[in-house]
Amino acid sequence: MTSTIMDCPNEILLHIFRLACDDDGSTGRALSLVSRSVHELSKEYKYQSIAIIGLPRLVAFAAVLQDLPESNRHIRHLFFSSMAQNTSGGHNRTSEDIQNYRDTCDVFSEVIRVIGPTLVTCQIVFHVARMVTLIPGSCPCLTDLSLIGPFPTLPLAHVYEAPYFPSLRSVTFSSFTDYPTSLFNDIATQAPNLQNLAFYPAEACRNFAGDLASALDVPASPPPAPNPLHVPRSTLPSTIKQVTVSTGTGINPEHRNAYCKQSVQDLMKKRLLCIKENYTQCRVEVVDHDQPQPSPRDALSVWLSRCHD
């Protein structure tokens, strides 16, 4: 007698579907087309892991969420990019430019509001400034957050209530050139149980090492006479185990202002190494500029290569 997968108990099938729906959403959509029974059984996990490229698809996804019953809104892993993404197959997933910044912010905020209760990991790629330091909505289960692109250029505290991420353990910022003065305070108040914090700027930031030193309450340059009685009082959460900072990408000596940029990068590295030597409350790692960083357009490929828990 020939057996098929549908002969398995529903509990086993649900477990299989949960493990299978761990990509950009393709598996969940494919399962819904297999048969009526598979469609019904797998719909709880259809949107468990989803990748969205461009504002039009984000708007369409927001509409889908509105029509979904709450029992099927188990979105645990989200990738969103406002820019085109390269895929392993060599194809370029296109996206349209953001024509209305505020509309984009509103739609994205609505999506986060709806999926926030179940979201576990999130990676966001914005080619324009984000609306808030982290993401615009509280996510009680969020453990891993990666943000690629510029920080907010204007404070939007009057628009967005400060979100809260009690389960957040890892945050990575990359591909930025400037940052808000409230950065470390926002991290401390919104992610009080953070353990791993990483910064990969697109280029060396003149004041970053000094601001990080202030947040950690540690000197960014060798003090003339170290005080053995000084106990650092970090602005950042006491739960942090590691801070990783890159000094930016390599500088082409033929580019304009290459000498000035190199001087900024060298000073940033010197100060970061001083922080690493003097701060003992957590591990501080300095990533040199000769270590390549993934392009923001390859973020989807990197995200898909990871195995979500």
Protein backbone atom coordinates (compact mmCIF):
# COMPACT_ATOMS: atom_id res chain seq x y z
CA MET A 1 0.00 0.00 0.00
CA THR A 2 1.44 3.31 -1.04
CA SER A 3 1.60 6.07 1.55
CA THR A 4 1.73 9.80 0.89
CA ILE A 5 2.73 12.71 3.05
CA MET A 6 -0.94 13.43 3.67
CA ASP A 7 -1.16 10.14 5.57
CA CYS A 8 0.95 11.69 8.31
CA PRO A 9 -0.81 13.03 11.40
CA ASN A 10 -1.70 16.72 11.20
CA GLU A 11 0.66 17.48 14.08
CA ILE A 12 3.62 16.20 12.06
CA LEU A 13 2.48 18.01 8.91
CA LEU A 14 2.17 21.27 10.82
CA HIS A 15 5.69 20.82 12.15
CA ILE A 16 6.98 20.18 8.61
CA PHE A 17 5.20 23.25 7.27
CA ARG A 18 6.59 25.39 10.09
CA LEU A 19 10.15 24.32 9.26
CA ALA A 20 9.65 24.62 5.49
CA CYS A 21 8.25 28.16 5.50
CA ASP A 22 11.61 29.76 6.25
CA ASP A 23 12.39 31.72 3.09
CA ASP A 24 11.06 34.80 1.29
CA GLY A 25 7.49 33.48 1.31
CA SER A 26 7.81 31.31 -1.80
CA THR A 27 7.35 28.03 0.07
CA GLY A 28 4.22 29.21 1.83
CA ARG A 29 2.67 30.36 -1.45
CA ALA A 30 3.61 27.08 -3.14
CA LEU A 31 2.07 24.99 -0.35
CA SER A 32 -1.20 26.86 -0.67
CA LEU A 33 -1.46 25.65 -4.27
CA VAL A 34 -0.82 21.94 -3.63
CA SER A 35 -4.34 20.95 -2.58
CA ARG A 36 -7.24 22.16 -0.51
CA SER A 37 -6.15 20.14 2.51
CA VAL A 38 -2.54 21.36 2.33
CA HIS A 39 -3.80 24.89 1.78
CA GLU A 40 -5.91 24.73 4.94
CA LEU A 41 -3.21 23.11 7.07
CA SER A 42 -0.34 25.34 5.93
CA LYS A 43 -2.06 28.74 5.94
CA GLU A 44 -1.02 29.38 9.54
CA TYR A 45 2.63 29.39 8.32
CA LYS A 46 2.15 30.85 4.83
CA TYR A 47 3.47 34.27 5.88
CA GLN A 48 5.73 33.07 8.68
CA SER A 49 8.79 34.31 6.79
CA ILE A 50 8.39 37.01 4.16
CA ALA A 51 10.58 39.26 2.01
CA ILE A 52 9.13 42.44 0.50
CA ILE A 53 10.93 44.56 -2.10
CA GLY A 54 9.61 48.03 -2.84
CA LEU A 55 6.72 50.21 -1.73
CA PRO A 56 4.09 48.75 -4.12
CA ARG A 57 4.60 45.28 -2.67
CA LEU A 58 4.61 46.68 0.85
CA VAL A 59 1.22 48.31 0.18
CA ALA A 60 -0.10 45.04 -1.24
CA PHE A 61 1.18 43.11 1.79
CA ALA A 62 -0.48 45.60 4.16
CA ALA A 63 -3.78 44.95 2.34
CA VAL A 64 -3.29 41.17 2.68
CA LEU A 65 -2.69 41.55 6.41
CA GLN A 66 -5.93 43.45 6.83
CA ASP A 67 -7.88 40.57 5.28
CA LEU A 68 -6.10 37.84 7.25
CA PRO A 69 -7.72 36.51 10.41
CA GLU A 70 -5.57 37.15 13.44
CA SER A 71 -4.90 33.42 13.85
CA ASN A 72 -3.00 33.42 10.52
CA ARG A 73 -0.91 36.54 11.14
CA HIS A 74 2.08 34.61 12.45
CA ILE A 75 4.78 36.67 10.72
CA ARG A 76 7.98 35.78 12.56
CA HIS A 77 10.69 36.84 10.08
CA LEU A 78 10.48 40.00 7.96
CA PHE A 79 12.79 41.41 5.30
CA PHE A 80 11.91 44.72 3.66
CA SER A 81 13.98 46.73 1.19
CA SER A 82 13.17 49.99 -0.53
CA MET A 83 15.89 49.27 -3.12
CA ALA A 84 16.36 46.53 -5.71
CA GLN A 85 18.00 43.34 -4.49
CA ASN A 86 20.40 40.98 -6.24
CA THR A 87 19.55 37.29 -5.94
CA SER A 88 21.71 34.18 -6.20
CA GLY A 89 20.19 33.44 -9.59
CA GLY A 90 21.62 36.66 -10.97
CA HIS A 91 18.23 38.33 -11.31
CA ASN A 92 17.60 41.76 -9.88
CA ARG A 93 14.39 42.17 -7.95
CA THR A 94 13.25 45.63 -8.92
CA SER A 95 11.57 48.16 -6.72
CA GLU A 96 10.22 51.60 -7.40
CA ASP A 97 11.71 54.71 -5.93
CA ILE A 98 10.00 56.14 -2.90
CA GLN A 99 7.88 58.94 -4.31
CA ASN A 100 6.16 59.91 -1.08
CA TYR A 101 8.32 59.51 1.98
CA ARG A 102 5.51 60.02 4.45
CA ASP A 103 3.28 57.45 2.72
CA THR A 104 6.09 54.92 2.94
CA CYS A 105 6.56 55.65 6.63
CA ASP A 106 2.83 55.29 7.29
CA VAL A 107 2.46 51.99 5.42
CA PHE A 108 5.55 50.52 7.01
CA SER A 109 4.41 51.61 10.47
CA GLU A 110 1.02 49.99 9.90
CA VAL A 111 2.65 46.71 8.86
CA ILE A 112 4.84 46.73 11.97
CA ARG A 113 1.80 47.48 14.15
CA VAL A 114 -0.06 44.48 12.77
CA ILE A 115 2.80 41.95 12.81
CA GLY A 116 4.61 43.32 15.87
CA PRO A 117 3.11 40.84 18.39
CA THR A 118 4.69 37.81 16.60
CA LEU A 119 7.79 39.28 14.93
CA VAL A 120 11.05 37.55 15.98
CA THR A 121 13.66 38.73 13.45
CA CYS A 122 13.63 41.76 11.18
CA GLN A 123 15.95 43.20 8.55
CA ILE A 124 15.23 46.57 6.94
CA VAL A 125 17.02 48.20 4.00
CA PHE A 126 16.22 51.86 3.32
CA HIS A 127 18.07 53.91 0.72
CA VAL A 128 16.63 57.05 2.33
CA ALA A 129 16.58 58.05 5.98
CA ARG A 130 14.44 55.88 8.24
CA MET A 131 11.69 57.49 10.27
CA VAL A 132 12.96 56.36 13.70
CA THR A 133 16.19 55.04 15.20
CA LEU A 134 14.98 51.42 15.38
CA ILE A 135 11.54 50.49 13.98
CA PRO A 136 8.23 52.33 14.49
CA GLY A 137 6.34 49.90 16.68
CA SER A 138 6.77 47.79 19.79
CA CYS A 139 7.61 44.12 19.20
CA PRO A 140 7.58 42.08 22.42
CA CYS A 141 9.09 38.94 20.81
CA LEU A 142 11.69 40.59 18.54
CA THR A 143 15.17 39.19 19.25
CA ASP A 144 17.25 40.18 16.21
CA LEU A 145 17.14 43.47 14.28
CA SER A 146 19.31 44.57 11.37
CA LEU A 147 18.96 48.08 9.92
CA ILE A 148 20.73 49.03 6.69
CA GLY A 149 20.80 52.61 5.49
CA PRO A 150 20.69 56.17 6.83
CA PHE A 151 19.46 57.11 10.28
CA PRO A 152 16.59 59.63 10.70
CA THR A 153 17.54 63.15 9.68
CA LEU A 154 14.63 64.82 11.49
CA PRO A 155 13.20 63.93 14.90
CA LEU A 156 9.77 62.32 14.58
CA ALA A 157 9.04 61.84 18.27
CA HIS A 158 5.85 63.87 17.88
CA VAL A 159 4.66 61.41 15.22
CA TYR A 160 5.75 58.05 16.60
CA GLU A 161 5.44 56.92 20.18
CA ALA A 162 8.73 55.45 21.39
CA PRO A 163 8.53 51.68 20.76
CA TYR A 164 9.70 49.01 23.19
CA PHE A 165 11.61 45.80 22.51
CA PRO A 166 12.02 43.85 25.77
CA SER A 167 13.27 40.65 24.08
CA LEU A 168 15.72 42.29 21.67
CA ARG A 169 19.17 40.72 22.01
CA SER A 170 21.02 41.77 18.86
CA VAL A 171 20.98 45.01 16.83
CA THR A 172 23.12 45.79 13.79
CA PHE A 173 23.34 49.16 12.05
CA SER A 174 25.13 49.39 8.69
CA SER A 175 25.62 51.57 5.59
CA PHE A 176 25.17 54.88 7.41
CA THR A 177 27.34 58.00 7.36
CA ASP A 178 25.78 60.00 10.19
CA TYR A 179 23.64 59.27 13.22
CA PRO A 180 21.32 61.12 15.65
CA THR A 181 22.60 62.47 18.94
CA SER A 182 19.94 60.39 20.70
CA LEU A 183 21.24 57.10 19.24
CA PHE A 184 22.66 55.49 22.37
CA ASN A 185 19.89 56.78 24.60
CA ASP A 186 17.26 55.40 22.20
CA ILE A 187 18.97 52.00 22.27
CA ALA A 188 19.15 51.99 26.07
CA THR A 189 15.52 52.96 26.64
CA GLN A 190 13.94 50.89 23.85
CA ALA A 191 16.05 47.71 24.11
CA PRO A 192 16.89 47.33 27.82
CA ASN A 193 18.00 43.69 27.54
CA LEU A 194 20.28 44.03 24.52
CA GLN A 195 23.34 41.77 24.41
CA ASN A 196 25.04 42.39 21.04
CA LEU A 197 25.37 45.76 19.34
CA ALA A 198 27.15 46.29 16.01
CA PHE A 199 27.90 49.29 13.80
CA TYR A 200 29.16 49.07 10.21
CA PRO A 201 29.24 52.63 8.81
CA ALA A 202 29.70 53.25 5.10
CA GLU A 203 32.65 55.47 5.99
CA ALA A 204 34.50 56.54 9.10
CA CYS A 205 32.46 58.82 11.39
CA ARG A 206 34.43 61.66 12.96
CA ASN A 207 32.68 61.73 16.34
CA PHE A 208 31.40 58.18 16.67
CA ALA A 209 34.21 56.78 18.83
CA GLY A 210 33.94 59.73 21.21
CA ASP A 211 30.17 59.36 21.50
CA LEU A 212 30.49 55.63 22.07
CA ALA A 213 33.10 56.28 24.75
CA SER A 214 30.70 58.70 26.47
CA ALA A 215 27.90 56.14 26.29
CA LEU A 216 30.17 53.53 27.86
CA ASP A 217 31.69 56.07 30.28
CA VAL A 218 35.20 55.14 29.23
CA PRO A 219 38.01 57.34 27.79
CA ALA A 220 38.52 57.39 24.04
CA SER A 221 42.13 58.45 24.54
CA PRO A 222 44.65 57.38 27.19
CA PRO A 223 43.97 59.33 30.40
CA PRO A 224 47.00 61.07 31.99
CA ALA A 225 46.37 59.29 35.28
CA PRO A 226 43.82 56.45 35.36
CA ASN A 227 41.56 56.45 38.39
CA PRO A 228 41.45 52.92 39.86
CA LEU A 229 38.31 53.81 41.82
CA HIS A 230 36.31 54.87 38.75
CA VAL A 231 33.37 52.57 38.02
CA PRO A 232 31.95 53.06 34.49
CA ARG A 233 28.27 54.00 34.39
CA SER A 234 27.26 53.13 30.87
CA THR A 235 24.31 54.73 29.12
CA LEU A 236 23.86 51.45 27.29
CA PRO A 237 22.11 48.48 28.92
CA SER A 238 24.18 46.60 31.49
CA THR A 239 23.22 43.36 29.70
CA ILE A 240 25.42 44.11 26.69
CA LYS A 241 28.09 41.47 26.15
CA GLN A 242 29.70 42.71 22.93
CA VAL A 243 29.95 45.93 20.93
CA THR A 244 31.33 45.63 17.40
CA VAL A 245 32.36 48.70 15.40
CA SER A 246 33.78 48.93 11.91
CA THR A 247 35.99 51.84 10.89
CA GLY A 248 34.26 52.05 7.53
CA THR A 249 35.26 50.86 4.09
CA GLY A 250 38.65 51.28 2.45
CA ILE A 251 39.51 54.69 1.02
CA ASN A 252 40.72 55.12 -2.55
CA PRO A 253 43.83 57.35 -2.35
CA GLU A 254 42.94 58.88 -5.73
CA HIS A 255 39.56 60.14 -4.57
CA ARG A 256 38.96 63.74 -3.61
CA ASN A 257 39.61 64.47 0.08
CA ALA A 258 41.21 61.04 0.46
CA TYR A 259 43.82 62.41 2.87
CA CYS A 260 41.18 63.95 5.16
CA LYS A 261 39.02 60.83 5.08
CA GLN A 262 42.03 58.66 5.87
CA SER A 263 42.91 60.91 8.81
CA VAL A 264 39.36 60.58 10.18
CA GLN A 265 39.47 56.82 9.76
CA ASP A 266 42.86 56.52 11.47
CA LEU A 267 41.70 58.66 14.39
CA MET A 268 38.47 56.65 14.71
CA LYS A 269 40.43 53.39 14.80
CA LYS A 270 42.88 54.76 17.38
CA ARG A 271 40.06 55.85 19.68
CA LEU A 272 38.15 52.59 19.26
CA LEU A 273 41.24 50.58 20.15
CA CYS A 274 41.64 52.73 23.25
CA ILE A 275 38.03 51.97 24.23
CA LYS A 276 38.69 48.27 23.64
CA GLU A 277 41.73 48.38 25.90
CA ASN A 278 40.11 50.34 28.73
CA TYR A 279 36.54 49.02 28.83
CA THR A 280 36.13 45.79 30.77
CA GLN A 281 32.36 45.59 31.26
CA CYS A 282 31.84 43.91 27.88
CA ARG A 283 33.81 42.83 24.85
CA VAL A 284 34.61 45.57 22.29
CA GLU A 285 35.57 44.42 18.80
CA VAL A 286 37.09 46.75 16.19
CA VAL A 287 36.60 45.70 12.55
CA ASP A 288 39.27 47.15 10.27
CA HIS A 289 38.42 48.75 6.93
CA ASP A 290 40.17 45.99 4.97
CA GLN A 291 37.40 43.54 5.86
CA PRO A 292 34.75 43.76 3.10
CA GLN A 293 31.14 44.60 3.93
CA PRO A 294 28.17 43.22 1.99
CA SER A 295 26.46 45.64 -0.37
CA PRO A 296 22.95 46.76 0.67
CA ARG A 297 21.76 45.27 -2.63
CA ASP A 298 22.98 41.85 -1.49
CA ALA A 299 21.12 42.05 1.82
CA LEU A 300 18.34 39.70 0.68
CA SER A 301 20.80 36.98 -0.33
CA VAL A 302 22.55 37.26 3.02
CA TRP A 303 19.20 37.17 4.84
CA LEU A 304 18.03 34.09 2.95
CA SER A 305 21.30 32.28 3.69
CA ARG A 306 20.67 32.49 7.41
CA CYS A 307 18.79 29.78 9.19
CA HIS A 308 16.01 31.32 11.24
CA ASP A 309 15.41 29.82 14.64
